[in-house]
Structures are given as C-alpha cells and as structure tokens.
Amino acid sequence: MDITVFGPYTYLVTEVAWAVVAVAFVTYADAWRAAARTTLVLYPFAYVWDWYTLEVGVFEIPLRTGVELLGIPIEEHLFMLLIPTMVVGVHETLRKRDRTRESSSVENAPQ
C-alpha cells in the first residue's frame, strides 16, 4: 500500500494510525498513568535530541505538513509522545497477560 497519496500529511497519518494502536495497548493494560509519566520524563530528552539532529541535517522529513512547534515539525512532537506510550503499552500488556496466565494456571492446578 502506497501511503504517499496523503502527500504532506503522510507522516501525520502514520503517526495517528500508530497512536491508535498505542492507545489500544495502554487502554487494555490500564497503564495510562505509567505511560503519561514515562512520556513526560522522556520528552525533554527526545525534544533536544530531535531538534539537534534536524538542525545539523542528520535527517529531513519530506512528507510532512510543514507545521512546526518550538523548531521541530509537529509530527515529531507526536512521534516523541507516541513511542514511549507504545513501549509502555506493550510492556504492560505483556505483564497483564503473564499475570492472567499465572493466575489461571494456579486456579487450574490439581489440589
């Protein structure tokens, strides 16, 4: 599937699509507080890193809206919110599944 049909909104569309996945994981795991806390702690580091790499020309983002906030594309701000949220969501989902498996195996164990 060629998503470049979204032109300058291509990066934004992919960010929103993956944000839906991240939100699903965080919601399933009931990990909103952990995701928010982790994201808030990591955001300043990610911002400085992203700003610097864009400033020195390490990479450029051609399929973006062109809207910038504090010197970096709005899509990058979303990315910096999305990644830690996704990581926490997946991690906490795995932990929840492990706890569920452990509790069901204890309940089904012969006595």
N, C-alpha and C. Protein backbone atom coordinates (compact mmCIF):
# COMPACT_ATOMS: atom_id res chain seq x y z
N MET A 1 0.84 -1.18 0.00
CA MET A 1 0.00 0.00 0.00
C MET A 1 0.88 1.24 0.00
N ASP A 2 0.67 2.11 -0.94
CA ASP A 2 1.44 3.35 -1.05
C ASP A 2 0.70 4.46 -0.32
N ILE A 3 1.20 4.81 0.87
CA ILE A 3 0.51 5.84 1.64
C ILE A 3 0.96 7.25 1.29
N THR A 4 1.87 7.37 0.33
CA THR A 4 2.30 8.72 -0.06
C THR A 4 1.18 9.49 -0.75
N VAL A 5 0.05 8.83 -0.99
CA VAL A 5 -1.10 9.53 -1.56
C VAL A 5 -1.59 10.64 -0.63
N PHE A 6 -1.18 10.58 0.63
CA PHE A 6 -1.56 11.62 1.59
C PHE A 6 -0.68 12.86 1.47
N GLY A 7 0.30 12.81 0.57
CA GLY A 7 1.17 13.97 0.32
C GLY A 7 1.80 14.51 1.58
N PRO A 8 1.64 15.81 1.84
CA PRO A 8 2.29 16.40 3.01
C PRO A 8 1.72 15.91 4.35
N TYR A 9 0.64 15.15 4.30
CA TYR A 9 0.06 14.62 5.53
C TYR A 9 0.46 13.17 5.79
N THR A 10 1.35 12.64 4.96
CA THR A 10 1.73 11.23 5.08
C THR A 10 2.28 10.89 6.46
N TYR A 11 3.22 11.65 6.94
CA TYR A 11 3.82 11.37 8.25
C TYR A 11 2.76 11.51 9.34
N LEU A 12 1.95 12.54 9.25
CA LEU A 12 0.90 12.76 10.25
C LEU A 12 -0.09 11.59 10.27
N VAL A 13 -0.48 11.12 9.10
CA VAL A 13 -1.42 10.00 9.02
C VAL A 13 -0.82 8.75 9.66
N THR A 14 0.45 8.48 9.41
CA THR A 14 1.07 7.30 10.02
C THR A 14 1.17 7.46 11.53
N GLU A 15 1.44 8.67 11.99
CA GLU A 15 1.50 8.91 13.43
C GLU A 15 0.15 8.65 14.09
N VAL A 16 -0.91 9.13 13.47
CA VAL A 16 -2.25 8.93 14.02
C VAL A 16 -2.62 7.45 14.02
N ALA A 17 -2.30 6.75 12.94
CA ALA A 17 -2.60 5.31 12.87
C ALA A 17 -1.89 4.54 13.98
N TRP A 18 -0.61 4.82 14.16
CA TRP A 18 0.13 4.11 15.21
C TRP A 18 -0.30 4.57 16.60
N ALA A 19 -0.74 5.81 16.72
CA ALA A 19 -1.24 6.29 18.02
C ALA A 19 -2.47 5.50 18.43
N VAL A 20 -3.32 5.14 17.48
CA VAL A 20 -4.49 4.32 17.79
C VAL A 20 -4.06 2.98 18.37
N VAL A 21 -3.03 2.40 17.80
CA VAL A 21 -2.51 1.13 18.31
C VAL A 21 -1.95 1.31 19.73
N ALA A 22 -1.18 2.36 19.93
CA ALA A 22 -0.59 2.62 21.25
C ALA A 22 -1.68 2.84 22.29
N VAL A 23 -2.70 3.60 21.95
CA VAL A 23 -3.81 3.86 22.87
C VAL A 23 -4.54 2.56 23.19
N ALA A 24 -4.69 1.69 22.21
CA ALA A 24 -5.34 0.40 22.46
C ALA A 24 -4.55 -0.42 23.48
N PHE A 25 -3.24 -0.47 23.33
CA PHE A 25 -2.41 -1.21 24.29
C PHE A 25 -2.51 -0.60 25.68
N VAL A 26 -2.36 0.70 25.78
CA VAL A 26 -2.39 1.38 27.07
C VAL A 26 -3.76 1.20 27.74
N THR A 27 -4.81 1.27 26.96
CA THR A 27 -6.16 1.09 27.50
C THR A 27 -6.36 -0.35 27.97
N TYR A 28 -5.98 -1.31 27.15
CA TYR A 28 -6.12 -2.72 27.53
C TYR A 28 -5.38 -3.01 28.84
N ALA A 29 -4.18 -2.47 28.96
CA ALA A 29 -3.36 -2.74 30.14
C ALA A 29 -3.69 -1.83 31.31
N ASP A 30 -4.58 -0.87 31.10
CA ASP A 30 -4.91 0.14 32.11
C ASP A 30 -3.63 0.79 32.64
N ALA A 31 -2.82 1.26 31.68
CA ALA A 31 -1.49 1.79 32.01
C ALA A 31 -1.36 3.26 31.65
N TRP A 32 -2.44 4.00 31.70
CA TRP A 32 -2.39 5.42 31.32
C TRP A 32 -1.43 6.21 32.19
N ARG A 33 -1.47 5.99 33.48
CA ARG A 33 -0.60 6.75 34.39
C ARG A 33 0.88 6.45 34.11
N ALA A 34 1.21 5.18 33.95
CA ALA A 34 2.60 4.80 33.67
C ALA A 34 3.06 5.37 32.33
N ALA A 35 2.19 5.31 31.33
CA ALA A 35 2.55 5.84 30.01
C ALA A 35 2.76 7.35 30.07
N ALA A 36 1.87 8.04 30.75
CA ALA A 36 1.99 9.51 30.85
C ALA A 36 3.26 9.89 31.61
N ARG A 37 3.52 9.20 32.69
CA ARG A 37 4.71 9.51 33.49
C ARG A 37 5.99 9.27 32.71
N THR A 38 6.08 8.14 32.05
CA THR A 38 7.26 7.82 31.25
C THR A 38 7.44 8.82 30.11
N THR A 39 6.37 9.15 29.44
CA THR A 39 6.42 10.09 28.33
C THR A 39 6.88 11.47 28.80
N LEU A 40 6.34 11.93 29.91
CA LEU A 40 6.73 13.24 30.43
C LEU A 40 8.21 13.30 30.81
N VAL A 41 8.72 12.21 31.35
CA VAL A 41 10.13 12.18 31.74
C VAL A 41 11.04 12.14 30.51
N LEU A 42 10.65 11.37 29.50
CA LEU A 42 11.49 11.22 28.31
C LEU A 42 11.38 12.37 27.31
N TYR A 43 10.26 13.05 27.32
CA TYR A 43 10.00 14.07 26.30
C TYR A 43 11.11 15.14 26.19
N PRO A 44 11.58 15.73 27.27
CA PRO A 44 12.63 16.75 27.12
C PRO A 44 13.90 16.22 26.45
N PHE A 45 14.29 15.01 26.79
CA PHE A 45 15.47 14.41 26.17
C PHE A 45 15.23 14.18 24.67
N ALA A 46 14.06 13.65 24.36
CA ALA A 46 13.71 13.38 22.96
C ALA A 46 13.64 14.68 22.17
N TYR A 47 13.09 15.73 22.78
CA TYR A 47 12.99 17.01 22.09
C TYR A 47 14.37 17.54 21.72
N VAL A 48 15.27 17.58 22.68
CA VAL A 48 16.62 18.11 22.43
C VAL A 48 17.33 17.27 21.37
N TRP A 49 17.23 15.97 21.49
CA TRP A 49 17.85 15.06 20.53
C TRP A 49 17.27 15.30 19.14
N ASP A 50 15.97 15.37 19.02
CA ASP A 50 15.31 15.56 17.73
C ASP A 50 15.66 16.92 17.14
N TRP A 51 15.58 17.96 17.96
CA TRP A 51 15.89 19.31 17.48
C TRP A 51 17.32 19.35 16.94
N TYR A 52 18.26 18.80 17.69
CA TYR A 52 19.66 18.83 17.28
C TYR A 52 19.87 18.07 15.97
N THR A 53 19.33 16.85 15.87
CA THR A 53 19.57 16.06 14.66
C THR A 53 18.94 16.72 13.43
N LEU A 54 17.81 17.37 13.60
CA LEU A 54 17.22 18.11 12.48
C LEU A 54 18.05 19.35 12.15
N GLU A 55 18.52 20.02 13.18
CA GLU A 55 19.30 21.26 12.99
C GLU A 55 20.60 21.01 12.23
N VAL A 56 21.28 19.91 12.54
CA VAL A 56 22.56 19.64 11.89
C VAL A 56 22.40 18.85 10.59
N GLY A 57 21.15 18.49 10.26
CA GLY A 57 20.90 17.84 8.99
C GLY A 57 21.07 16.34 8.96
N VAL A 58 20.97 15.69 10.11
CA VAL A 58 21.10 14.24 10.15
C VAL A 58 19.99 13.59 9.32
N PHE A 59 18.80 14.16 9.38
CA PHE A 59 17.70 13.66 8.56
C PHE A 59 16.75 14.79 8.24
N GLU A 60 15.91 14.56 7.26
CA GLU A 60 14.86 15.51 6.94
C GLU A 60 13.58 14.72 6.68
N ILE A 61 12.46 15.40 6.79
CA ILE A 61 11.16 14.73 6.67
C ILE A 61 10.40 15.39 5.52
N PRO A 62 10.45 14.79 4.34
CA PRO A 62 9.83 15.43 3.18
C PRO A 62 8.30 15.39 3.16
N LEU A 63 7.69 14.33 3.65
CA LEU A 63 6.22 14.20 3.56
C LEU A 63 5.56 14.59 4.87
N ARG A 64 5.64 15.88 5.16
CA ARG A 64 5.08 16.41 6.41
C ARG A 64 4.28 17.67 6.13
N THR A 65 3.54 18.10 7.13
CA THR A 65 2.65 19.24 6.96
C THR A 65 3.39 20.57 6.83
N GLY A 66 4.55 20.65 7.40
CA GLY A 66 5.29 21.91 7.41
C GLY A 66 4.98 22.75 8.64
N VAL A 67 4.08 22.28 9.48
CA VAL A 67 3.76 22.99 10.72
C VAL A 67 4.81 22.64 11.75
N GLU A 68 5.41 23.69 12.32
CA GLU A 68 6.44 23.48 13.32
C GLU A 68 6.03 24.08 14.65
N LEU A 69 6.53 23.49 15.72
CA LEU A 69 6.32 23.97 17.07
C LEU A 69 7.66 23.88 17.78
N LEU A 70 8.12 24.99 18.30
CA LEU A 70 9.40 25.05 19.00
C LEU A 70 10.56 24.52 18.16
N GLY A 71 10.51 24.81 16.86
CA GLY A 71 11.63 24.50 15.99
C GLY A 71 11.66 23.11 15.38
N ILE A 72 10.65 22.29 15.65
CA ILE A 72 10.61 20.97 15.03
C ILE A 72 9.19 20.69 14.52
N PRO A 73 9.09 19.82 13.52
CA PRO A 73 7.77 19.51 12.95
C PRO A 73 6.80 18.95 13.99
N ILE A 74 5.55 19.32 13.85
CA ILE A 74 4.51 18.84 14.77
C ILE A 74 4.47 17.30 14.78
N GLU A 75 4.75 16.70 13.63
CA GLU A 75 4.76 15.24 13.55
C GLU A 75 5.82 14.62 14.47
N GLU A 76 6.94 15.31 14.62
CA GLU A 76 7.99 14.80 15.50
C GLU A 76 7.57 14.89 16.97
N HIS A 77 6.84 15.93 17.31
CA HIS A 77 6.31 16.01 18.68
C HIS A 77 5.39 14.81 18.95
N LEU A 78 4.54 14.51 17.99
CA LEU A 78 3.65 13.36 18.13
C LEU A 78 4.45 12.07 18.26
N PHE A 79 5.49 11.95 17.45
CA PHE A 79 6.36 10.78 17.50
C PHE A 79 6.97 10.62 18.89
N MET A 80 7.41 11.73 19.48
CA MET A 80 8.04 11.69 20.80
C MET A 80 7.04 11.34 21.90
N LEU A 81 5.77 11.59 21.66
CA LEU A 81 4.73 11.17 22.60
C LEU A 81 4.33 9.72 22.35
N LEU A 82 4.32 9.35 21.09
CA LEU A 82 3.85 8.03 20.68
C LEU A 82 4.77 6.90 21.11
N ILE A 83 6.05 7.05 20.88
CA ILE A 83 6.99 5.94 21.12
C ILE A 83 7.00 5.49 22.58
N PRO A 84 7.19 6.36 23.55
CA PRO A 84 7.16 5.86 24.93
C PRO A 84 5.79 5.31 25.32
N THR A 85 4.73 5.89 24.78
CA THR A 85 3.39 5.38 25.07
C THR A 85 3.24 3.97 24.52
N MET A 86 3.71 3.74 23.32
CA MET A 86 3.65 2.41 22.71
C MET A 86 4.47 1.41 23.52
N VAL A 87 5.67 1.80 23.90
CA VAL A 87 6.54 0.88 24.65
C VAL A 87 5.89 0.51 25.99
N VAL A 88 5.41 1.49 26.71
CA VAL A 88 4.77 1.21 28.00
C VAL A 88 3.51 0.36 27.78
N GLY A 89 2.73 0.70 26.77
CA GLY A 89 1.51 -0.06 26.49
C GLY A 89 1.79 -1.52 26.18
N VAL A 90 2.78 -1.78 25.35
CA VAL A 90 3.14 -3.16 25.01
C VAL A 90 3.69 -3.88 26.25
N HIS A 91 4.59 -3.21 26.96
CA HIS A 91 5.18 -3.81 28.15
C HIS A 91 4.11 -4.18 29.18
N GLU A 92 3.22 -3.25 29.47
CA GLU A 92 2.19 -3.51 30.47
C GLU A 92 1.16 -4.53 29.98
N THR A 93 0.91 -4.58 28.68
CA THR A 93 0.02 -5.60 28.13
C THR A 93 0.64 -6.98 28.32
N LEU A 94 1.93 -7.11 28.06
CA LEU A 94 2.61 -8.39 28.27
C LEU A 94 2.58 -8.79 29.74
N ARG A 95 2.79 -7.83 30.62
CA ARG A 95 2.73 -8.13 32.06
C ARG A 95 1.34 -8.57 32.47
N LYS A 96 0.33 -7.90 31.95
CA LYS A 96 -1.05 -8.27 32.27
C LYS A 96 -1.35 -9.69 31.78
N ARG A 97 -0.92 -10.01 30.58
CA ARG A 97 -1.14 -11.36 30.04
C ARG A 97 -0.41 -12.41 30.87
N ASP A 98 0.82 -12.09 31.30
CA ASP A 98 1.57 -13.02 32.14
C ASP A 98 0.85 -13.25 33.46
N ARG A 99 0.36 -12.20 34.08
CA ARG A 99 -0.37 -12.33 35.35
C ARG A 99 -1.65 -13.15 35.16
N THR A 100 -2.33 -12.91 34.05
CA THR A 100 -3.56 -13.66 33.76
C THR A 100 -3.26 -15.14 33.59
N ARG A 101 -2.19 -15.44 32.85
CA ARG A 101 -1.79 -16.84 32.65
C ARG A 101 -1.40 -17.50 33.97
N GLU A 102 -0.62 -16.77 34.77
CA GLU A 102 -0.19 -17.32 36.06
C GLU A 102 -1.38 -17.60 36.97
N SER A 103 -2.32 -16.67 37.02
CA SER A 103 -3.47 -16.86 37.92
C SER A 103 -4.37 -17.98 37.40
N SER A 104 -4.50 -18.13 36.09
CA SER A 104 -5.35 -19.22 35.59
C SER A 104 -4.67 -20.57 35.78
N SER A 105 -3.35 -20.62 35.72
CA SER A 105 -2.67 -21.91 35.93
C SER A 105 -2.73 -22.29 37.41
N VAL A 106 -2.72 -21.32 38.31
CA VAL A 106 -2.84 -21.62 39.74
C VAL A 106 -4.26 -22.12 40.03
N GLU A 107 -5.26 -21.49 39.42
CA GLU A 107 -6.64 -21.89 39.64
C GLU A 107 -6.91 -23.29 39.06
N ASN A 108 -6.24 -23.66 37.99
CA ASN A 108 -6.47 -24.95 37.34
C ASN A 108 -5.53 -26.04 37.83
N ALA A 109 -4.65 -25.73 38.75
CA ALA A 109 -3.69 -26.73 39.24
C ALA A 109 -4.42 -27.77 40.10
N PRO A 110 -3.99 -29.04 39.96
CA PRO A 110 -4.62 -30.09 40.79
C PRO A 110 -4.29 -29.86 42.27
N GLN A 111 -5.24 -30.20 43.11
CA GLN A 111 -5.03 -29.95 44.54
C GLN A 111 -4.98 -31.21 45.33
